């Protein structure tokens, strides 16, 4: 009797599957993040490429990102994977910019789906850092600096994508397409942005709560609480309020545009 094959699906087939719909994207990425093969994960992330005309799922629901059992072994692995995450974000920011330079009513729904996938990826990266911070009570300065940088990159990517989608893209659509149709198609986006932002804000609160329980061990010095460091760091209260205000304003401005 022939043995059943246990060969995992190829990276190419997984990338194709992730590009079928926004639901397929989230669920395929989640499945990969739960596997312990980081070489496959790195290749998968670097090759992720959601089609410009990505469709809505006919059935199924996105997985709950809060329930994932992700493998996050150490800071070195996360630094390595960070380059792959960055490639994903850069590639899909370019897609939003393509929508800006090629305004079409038919691109609105796919553009909103791509934006949602980017928001989901930002959340996943933040959750991975939280897992790392939960693994140990004392960090080196380098480890805490890495955690802060990964968090800040994730939040910045979300803000850049939000800015492009709610300002440049909306302006381009309203200038070049039938305005009533544009407003009707974009009507769901403000609520989507607020929902994504609420989830990311809650995670930021979790990070800050965890920070209060951690310690950093500088070489040759006593233990200290992990500092927030620079004024531009989103763990700083003033910087966070400014960031949060920016995102909220972008969503509110879009809501005004689509309700005219």
Protein backbone atom coordinates (compact mmCIF):
# COMPACT_ATOMS: atom_id res chain seq x y z
CA UNK A 1 0.00 0.00 0.00
CA UNK A 2 1.46 3.35 -1.03
CA UNK A 3 2.27 5.79 1.73
CA UNK A 4 0.24 8.98 1.79
CA UNK A 5 2.20 12.08 0.89
CA UNK A 6 2.97 14.52 3.67
CA UNK A 7 4.80 16.96 1.47
CA UNK A 8 3.75 20.52 2.38
CA UNK A 9 2.26 22.79 -0.28
CA UNK A 10 4.77 24.76 -2.28
CA UNK A 11 5.40 28.41 -1.47
CA UNK A 12 4.19 29.35 -4.95
CA UNK A 13 0.86 27.60 -4.39
CA UNK A 14 0.44 29.29 -0.99
CA UNK A 15 1.15 32.70 -2.51
CA UNK A 16 -1.47 32.04 -5.20
CA UNK A 17 -3.95 30.95 -2.55
CA UNK A 18 -3.32 34.09 -0.48
CA UNK A 19 -4.05 36.22 -3.53
CA UNK A 20 -7.50 34.77 -4.21
CA UNK A 21 -9.35 37.01 -1.75
CA UNK A 22 -8.87 39.11 1.37
CA UNK A 23 -10.17 36.24 3.51
CA UNK A 24 -7.84 33.75 1.82
CA UNK A 25 -4.95 36.15 2.39
CA UNK A 26 -5.50 36.50 6.12
CA UNK A 27 -6.15 32.80 6.65
CA UNK A 28 -3.17 31.66 4.58
CA UNK A 29 -0.81 34.08 6.33
CA UNK A 30 -2.14 32.94 9.71
CA UNK A 31 -1.52 29.32 8.80
CA UNK A 32 2.07 30.05 7.82
CA UNK A 33 2.73 32.03 11.01
CA UNK A 34 1.63 29.02 13.06
CA UNK A 35 4.26 26.79 11.41
CA UNK A 36 7.78 26.54 12.88
CA UNK A 37 9.63 26.52 9.53
CA UNK A 38 11.05 30.04 9.39
CA UNK A 39 12.88 29.55 6.09
CA UNK A 40 9.56 28.77 4.42
CA UNK A 41 7.90 31.66 6.24
CA UNK A 42 10.59 34.09 5.10
CA UNK A 43 10.25 33.01 1.47
CA UNK A 44 6.46 33.16 1.69
CA UNK A 45 6.46 36.70 3.11
CA UNK A 46 8.92 37.99 0.52
CA UNK A 47 6.81 36.57 -2.32
CA UNK A 48 3.38 37.68 -1.07
CA UNK A 49 1.77 39.72 -3.81
CA UNK A 50 -1.94 40.46 -3.62
CA UNK A 51 -3.39 41.09 -7.11
CA UNK A 52 -4.60 44.60 -7.85
CA UNK A 53 -7.99 43.12 -8.68
CA UNK A 54 -8.21 40.91 -5.58
CA UNK A 55 -11.75 39.65 -5.13
CA UNK A 56 -14.05 39.37 -2.15
CA UNK A 57 -14.39 35.91 -0.66
CA UNK A 58 -17.56 34.09 -1.67
CA UNK A 59 -17.62 32.23 1.64
CA UNK A 60 -15.64 31.78 4.83
CA UNK A 61 -14.48 34.21 7.50
CA UNK A 62 -11.15 35.69 8.44
CA UNK A 63 -9.46 34.02 11.37
CA UNK A 64 -9.35 35.85 14.68
CA UNK A 65 -5.79 37.17 14.89
CA UNK A 66 -5.94 37.22 18.69
CA UNK A 67 -6.28 33.43 18.85
CA UNK A 68 -3.26 32.48 16.70
CA UNK A 69 -0.59 30.20 18.16
CA UNK A 70 2.35 31.84 16.42
CA UNK A 71 5.89 30.50 16.74
CA UNK A 72 8.10 33.40 17.86
CA UNK A 73 11.30 31.88 19.29
CA UNK A 74 13.65 34.82 19.79
CA UNK A 75 14.68 38.32 18.77
CA UNK A 76 17.22 37.09 16.22
CA UNK A 77 14.51 35.24 14.28
CA UNK A 78 12.21 38.26 14.38
CA UNK A 79 14.95 40.57 13.11
CA UNK A 80 15.51 38.16 10.21
CA UNK A 81 11.78 37.99 9.39
CA UNK A 82 11.47 41.77 9.65
CA UNK A 83 13.15 42.20 6.27
CA UNK A 84 10.49 39.96 4.69
CA UNK A 85 7.65 41.86 6.38
CA UNK A 86 9.16 45.12 5.11
CA UNK A 87 9.19 43.82 1.54
CA UNK A 88 5.52 42.94 1.85
CA UNK A 89 4.60 46.41 3.12
CA UNK A 90 6.69 48.23 0.52
CA UNK A 91 5.19 46.17 -2.31
CA UNK A 92 1.63 46.84 -1.22
CA UNK A 93 2.16 50.51 -0.50
CA UNK A 94 3.18 50.70 -4.15
CA UNK A 95 -0.15 49.11 -5.07
CA UNK A 96 -2.05 51.85 -3.25
CA UNK A 97 0.10 54.40 -5.09
CA UNK A 98 -0.78 52.63 -8.36
CA UNK A 99 -4.48 53.07 -7.55
CA UNK A 100 -3.78 56.78 -6.99
CA UNK A 101 -2.20 57.17 -10.42
CA UNK A 102 -4.83 54.97 -12.12
CA UNK A 103 -8.16 56.09 -10.59
CA UNK A 104 -11.04 53.83 -11.54
CA UNK A 105 -14.31 53.06 -9.81
CA UNK A 106 -13.71 49.34 -10.28
CA UNK A 107 -10.50 49.57 -8.24
CA UNK A 108 -12.16 50.90 -5.08
CA UNK A 109 -13.33 47.59 -3.62
CA UNK A 110 -10.01 45.78 -4.32
CA UNK A 111 -8.12 48.78 -2.93
CA UNK A 112 -10.09 48.63 0.32
CA UNK A 113 -9.37 44.90 0.56
CA UNK A 114 -5.63 45.45 0.06
CA UNK A 115 -5.67 48.17 2.72
CA UNK A 116 -7.40 45.74 5.10
CA UNK A 117 -4.76 43.10 4.46
CA UNK A 118 -2.04 45.61 5.28
CA UNK A 119 -3.79 46.50 8.54
CA UNK A 120 -4.02 42.81 9.42
CA UNK A 121 -0.32 42.35 8.76
CA UNK A 122 0.54 45.31 10.98
CA UNK A 123 -1.52 43.75 13.77
CA UNK A 124 0.21 40.39 13.33
CA UNK A 125 3.65 41.99 13.59
CA UNK A 126 2.68 43.79 16.80
CA UNK A 127 1.28 40.59 18.27
CA UNK A 128 4.55 38.82 17.48
CA UNK A 129 6.48 41.44 19.45
CA UNK A 130 4.08 41.02 22.37
CA UNK A 131 4.79 37.29 22.36
CA UNK A 132 8.52 38.02 22.51
CA UNK A 133 8.06 40.44 25.40
CA UNK A 134 6.10 37.80 27.27
CA UNK A 135 8.90 35.25 27.08
CA UNK A 136 11.33 36.90 29.49
CA UNK A 137 11.40 39.30 32.39
CA UNK A 138 14.78 40.94 31.72
CA UNK A 139 15.88 42.27 28.32
CA UNK A 140 19.16 43.57 27.02
CA UNK A 141 19.15 47.16 25.74
CA UNK A 142 19.50 45.74 22.23
CA UNK A 143 16.44 43.53 22.66
CA UNK A 144 14.30 46.36 23.96
CA UNK A 145 15.53 48.62 21.17
CA UNK A 146 14.61 45.95 18.62
CA UNK A 147 11.13 45.54 20.10
CA UNK A 148 10.53 49.29 19.95
CA UNK A 149 11.74 49.53 16.37
CA UNK A 150 9.54 46.67 15.18
CA UNK A 151 6.52 48.20 16.91
CA UNK A 152 7.16 51.65 15.51
CA UNK A 153 7.58 50.32 11.98
CA UNK A 154 4.26 48.48 12.17
CA UNK A 155 2.37 51.54 13.40
CA UNK A 156 4.07 53.80 10.86
CA UNK A 157 3.15 51.51 7.98
CA UNK A 158 -0.49 51.60 9.05
CA UNK A 159 -0.45 55.39 9.22
CA UNK A 160 1.23 55.76 5.81
CA UNK A 161 -1.28 53.38 4.21
CA UNK A 162 -4.15 55.22 5.89
CA UNK A 163 -2.86 58.59 4.70
CA UNK A 164 -2.47 57.41 1.10
CA UNK A 165 -5.90 55.76 1.06
CA UNK A 166 -7.87 58.59 2.67
CA UNK A 167 -6.15 61.59 1.08
CA UNK A 168 -4.30 61.01 -2.20
CA UNK A 169 -6.43 58.12 -3.42
CA UNK A 170 -9.74 59.73 -2.51
CA UNK A 171 -8.75 63.01 -4.16
CA UNK A 172 -7.69 61.21 -7.32
CA UNK A 173 -10.94 59.24 -7.48
CA UNK A 174 -13.14 62.30 -6.90
CA UNK A 175 -11.29 64.28 -9.57
CA UNK A 176 -11.43 61.58 -12.24
CA UNK A 177 -14.51 59.45 -11.60
CA UNK A 178 -18.23 59.91 -11.02
CA UNK A 179 -18.29 61.44 -7.55
CA UNK A 180 -21.54 59.93 -6.32
CA UNK A 181 -20.37 56.43 -7.24
CA UNK A 182 -17.02 57.05 -5.56
CA UNK A 183 -18.64 58.24 -2.34
CA UNK A 184 -20.97 55.25 -2.27
CA UNK A 185 -18.13 52.79 -2.81
CA UNK A 186 -15.90 54.41 -0.17
CA UNK A 187 -18.63 54.69 2.45
CA UNK A 188 -17.45 51.57 4.31
CA UNK A 189 -13.81 52.66 4.58
CA UNK A 190 -14.02 55.12 7.53
CA UNK A 191 -15.56 52.48 9.79
CA UNK A 192 -12.96 49.96 8.63
CA UNK A 193 -10.16 52.37 9.51
CA UNK A 194 -11.59 53.08 12.94
CA UNK A 195 -11.98 49.36 13.64
CA UNK A 196 -8.40 48.60 12.60
CA UNK A 197 -7.11 51.56 14.60
CA UNK A 198 -8.99 50.46 17.71
CA UNK A 199 -7.37 47.03 17.54
CA UNK A 200 -3.89 48.52 17.11
CA UNK A 201 -4.52 50.97 19.93
CA UNK A 202 -5.54 48.16 22.29
CA UNK A 203 -2.32 46.34 21.43
CA UNK A 204 -0.30 49.44 22.18
CA UNK A 205 -1.90 49.49 25.64
CA UNK A 206 -0.89 45.85 26.09
CA UNK A 207 2.69 46.69 25.15
CA UNK A 208 2.84 49.55 27.62
CA UNK A 209 1.35 47.38 30.38
CA UNK A 210 3.95 44.72 29.68
CA UNK A 211 6.71 47.34 29.65
CA UNK A 212 5.85 48.27 33.23
CA UNK A 213 6.58 44.66 34.30
CA UNK A 214 9.85 44.28 32.39
CA UNK A 215 13.40 45.27 33.22
CA UNK A 216 16.39 46.12 31.05
CA UNK A 217 19.90 45.10 32.12
CA UNK A 218 22.53 47.51 30.77
CA UNK A 219 25.96 45.94 31.00
CA UNK A 220 27.64 47.00 34.22
CA UNK A 221 24.60 48.88 35.54
CA UNK A 222 21.58 48.04 37.72
CA UNK A 223 18.28 46.88 36.26
CA UNK A 224 16.03 49.65 34.93
CA UNK A 225 12.48 49.80 33.60
CA UNK A 226 12.46 49.77 29.77
CA UNK A 227 12.52 53.45 28.81
CA UNK A 228 10.39 55.00 26.11
CA UNK A 229 13.44 56.78 24.72
CA UNK A 230 13.07 59.29 21.95
CA UNK A 231 10.29 61.82 21.44
CA UNK A 232 9.38 60.28 18.10
CA UNK A 233 8.87 56.86 19.64
CA UNK A 234 5.21 55.81 19.62
CA UNK A 235 5.57 54.44 23.13
CA UNK A 236 5.95 58.04 24.25
CA UNK A 237 2.57 59.39 25.43
CA UNK A 238 2.77 62.70 23.54
CA UNK A 239 3.88 61.06 20.30
CA UNK A 240 1.12 58.46 20.61
CA UNK A 241 -1.56 61.12 21.09
CA UNK A 242 -0.27 62.90 17.99
CA UNK A 243 -0.26 59.64 16.02
CA UNK A 244 -3.73 58.67 17.20
CA UNK A 245 -5.02 62.14 16.36
CA UNK A 246 -3.61 61.87 12.84
CA UNK A 247 -5.30 58.53 12.18
CA UNK A 248 -8.60 59.69 13.66
CA UNK A 249 -8.53 62.90 11.64
CA UNK A 250 -7.87 60.98 8.42
CA UNK A 251 -10.87 58.74 9.04
CA UNK A 252 -13.09 61.69 9.98
CA UNK A 253 -12.06 63.69 6.91
CA UNK A 254 -12.84 60.71 4.69
CA UNK A 255 -16.23 60.31 6.35
CA UNK A 256 -17.02 63.94 5.52
CA UNK A 257 -15.97 63.40 1.89
CA UNK A 258 -18.20 60.39 1.39
CA UNK A 259 -21.22 61.88 3.15
CA UNK A 260 -21.44 65.07 1.07
